[in-house]
Amino acid sequence: MALSENDLSEIEKLLTAEDLQGPVFGELRRRFPTLSWTQCDASDVTEDPFRTYSKFDIHLLDTADHCAHITSDPGRATGVILARRSA
């Protein structure tokens, strides 16, 4: 599944909400069930993020060719890594 601009906008709204609380990871998985979601600490990912927010970085994951890798192309994204930034 490719990520559309609408999908990216919805993800951004959720990650930038002023009242961001609770299990944001679970909410993202619920809203985008066809994507593979992984969460980790931002220091665990060495590649530049696709987008950076105050509390999270997101990296796009492409698993289409049998070998998972980070991509900057939303049209190739089959998953998202949600990397929590240190406060």
C-alpha atoms as a PDB file:
ATOM      1  CA  MET A   1       0.000   0.000   0.000  1.00  0.00           C
ATOM      2  CA  ALA A   2       1.374   3.379  -0.961  1.00  0.00           C
ATOM      3  CA  LEU A   3       0.987   6.311   1.395  1.00  0.00           C
ATOM      4  CA  SER A   4      -1.091   9.123  -0.064  1.00  0.00           C
ATOM      5  CA  GLU A   5      -0.771  12.802   0.803  1.00  0.00           C
ATOM      6  CA  ASN A   6      -4.045  12.403   2.687  1.00  0.00           C
ATOM      7  CA  ASP A   7      -2.565   9.535   4.749  1.00  0.00           C
ATOM      8  CA  LEU A   8       0.556  11.570   5.500  1.00  0.00           C
ATOM      9  CA  SER A   9      -1.601  14.518   6.511  1.00  0.00           C
ATOM     10  CA  GLU A  10      -3.639  12.357   8.893  1.00  0.00           C
ATOM     11  CA  ILE A  11      -0.467  10.915  10.441  1.00  0.00           C
ATOM     12  CA  GLU A  12       0.924  14.428  10.866  1.00  0.00           C
ATOM     13  CA  LYS A  13      -2.273  15.667  12.546  1.00  0.00           C
ATOM     14  CA  LEU A  14      -2.100  12.836  15.034  1.00  0.00           C
ATOM     15  CA  LEU A  15       1.608  13.313  15.808  1.00  0.00           C
ATOM     16  CA  THR A  16       1.380  17.095  16.158  1.00  0.00           C
ATOM     17  CA  ALA A  17      -1.795  17.281  18.228  1.00  0.00           C
ATOM     18  CA  GLU A  18      -1.278  19.520  21.267  1.00  0.00           C
ATOM     19  CA  ASP A  19      -3.120  17.054  23.472  1.00  0.00           C
ATOM     20  CA  LEU A  20      -1.033  14.105  22.253  1.00  0.00           C
ATOM     21  CA  GLN A  21      -1.459  11.495  24.954  1.00  0.00           C
ATOM     22  CA  GLY A  22      -2.010   7.817  25.297  1.00  0.00           C
ATOM     23  CA  PRO A  23      -1.124   5.064  22.870  1.00  0.00           C
ATOM     24  CA  VAL A  24      -0.458   6.980  19.641  1.00  0.00           C
ATOM     25  CA  PHE A  25       1.176   3.861  18.174  1.00  0.00           C
ATOM     26  CA  GLY A  26      -1.993   1.849  18.699  1.00  0.00           C
ATOM     27  CA  GLU A  27      -4.105   4.598  17.183  1.00  0.00           C
ATOM     28  CA  LEU A  28      -1.903   4.719  14.075  1.00  0.00           C
ATOM     29  CA  ARG A  29      -2.140   0.940  13.704  1.00  0.00           C
ATOM     30  CA  ARG A  30      -5.917   1.145  14.056  1.00  0.00           C
ATOM     31  CA  ARG A  31      -6.241   3.916  11.440  1.00  0.00           C
ATOM     32  CA  PHE A  32      -3.818   2.333   8.965  1.00  0.00           C
ATOM     33  CA  PRO A  33      -4.244  -1.435   9.344  1.00  0.00           C
ATOM     34  CA  THR A  34      -2.730  -2.280   5.941  1.00  0.00           C
ATOM     35  CA  LEU A  35       0.637  -0.748   6.851  1.00  0.00           C
ATOM     36  CA  SER A  36       3.336  -2.477   8.846  1.00  0.00           C
ATOM     37  CA  TRP A  37       4.090  -0.389  11.970  1.00  0.00           C
ATOM     38  CA  THR A  38       7.239  -0.559  14.066  1.00  0.00           C
ATOM     39  CA  GLN A  39       8.137   1.613  17.033  1.00  0.00           C
ATOM     40  CA  CYS A  40      11.545   2.318  18.484  1.00  0.00           C
ATOM     41  CA  ASP A  41      13.715   5.044  19.951  1.00  0.00           C
ATOM     42  CA  ALA A  42      14.940   7.633  17.414  1.00  0.00           C
ATOM     43  CA  SER A  43      18.550   6.819  18.348  1.00  0.00           C
ATOM     44  CA  ASP A  44      18.007   3.279  17.024  1.00  0.00           C
ATOM     45  CA  VAL A  45      17.655   4.491  13.422  1.00  0.00           C
ATOM     46  CA  THR A  46      20.699   5.896  11.642  1.00  0.00           C
ATOM     47  CA  GLU A  47      18.982   6.972   8.404  1.00  0.00           C
ATOM     48  CA  ASP A  48      17.565  10.477   8.029  1.00  0.00           C
ATOM     49  CA  PRO A  49      13.851  10.556   8.867  1.00  0.00           C
ATOM     50  CA  PHE A  50      11.207  11.120   6.222  1.00  0.00           C
ATOM     51  CA  ARG A  51       9.528  13.617   8.559  1.00  0.00           C
ATOM     52  CA  THR A  52      10.408  14.968  11.996  1.00  0.00           C
ATOM     53  CA  TYR A  53       7.951  16.143  14.636  1.00  0.00           C
ATOM     54  CA  SER A  54       8.488  17.355  18.190  1.00  0.00           C
ATOM     55  CA  LYS A  55       8.149  13.908  19.785  1.00  0.00           C
ATOM     56  CA  PHE A  56       8.596  11.532  16.843  1.00  0.00           C
ATOM     57  CA  ASP A  57      10.484  10.885  13.627  1.00  0.00           C
ATOM     58  CA  ILE A  58       8.868   8.785  10.955  1.00  0.00           C
ATOM     59  CA  HIS A  59      10.756   6.606   8.507  1.00  0.00           C
ATOM     60  CA  LEU A  60       9.070   4.904   5.566  1.00  0.00           C
ATOM     61  CA  LEU A  61       9.688   1.226   5.052  1.00  0.00           C
ATOM     62  CA  ASP A  62       9.664  -0.582   1.686  1.00  0.00           C
ATOM     63  CA  THR A  63       9.357  -4.360   1.889  1.00  0.00           C
ATOM     64  CA  ALA A  64       8.186  -4.995  -1.673  1.00  0.00           C
ATOM     65  CA  ASP A  65      11.380  -6.602  -2.995  1.00  0.00           C
ATOM     66  CA  HIS A  66      11.924  -9.262  -0.301  1.00  0.00           C
ATOM     67  CA  CYS A  67      14.426  -7.055   1.508  1.00  0.00           C
ATOM     68  CA  ALA A  68      13.152  -4.357   3.845  1.00  0.00           C
ATOM     69  CA  HIS A  69      14.778  -0.960   3.553  1.00  0.00           C
ATOM     70  CA  ILE A  70      14.083   2.664   4.406  1.00  0.00           C
ATOM     71  CA  THR A  71      12.689   4.722   1.531  1.00  0.00           C
ATOM     72  CA  SER A  72      11.892   8.381   1.019  1.00  0.00           C
ATOM     73  CA  ASP A  73       9.196   7.536  -1.531  1.00  0.00           C
ATOM     74  CA  PRO A  74       5.683   7.387  -0.033  1.00  0.00           C
ATOM     75  CA  GLY A  75       4.553   5.572  -3.176  1.00  0.00           C
ATOM     76  CA  ARG A  76       6.806   2.615  -2.260  1.00  0.00           C
ATOM     77  CA  ALA A  77       6.032   2.600   1.470  1.00  0.00           C
ATOM     78  CA  THR A  78       4.557  -0.590   2.867  1.00  0.00           C
ATOM     79  CA  GLY A  79       5.286   0.332   6.459  1.00  0.00           C
ATOM     80  CA  VAL A  80       6.259   3.078   8.863  1.00  0.00           C
ATOM     81  CA  ILE A  81       8.820   3.211  11.656  1.00  0.00           C
ATOM     82  CA  LEU A  82       7.647   5.471  14.443  1.00  0.00           C
ATOM     83  CA  ALA A  83      10.791   6.587  16.256  1.00  0.00           C
ATOM     84  CA  ARG A  84      10.255   8.390  19.572  1.00  0.00           C
ATOM     85  CA  ARG A  85      12.514  11.386  20.062  1.00  0.00           C
ATOM     86  CA  SER A  86      14.098  12.084  23.435  1.00  0.00           C
ATOM     87  CA  ALA A  87      12.592  14.990  25.323  1.00  0.00           C
END
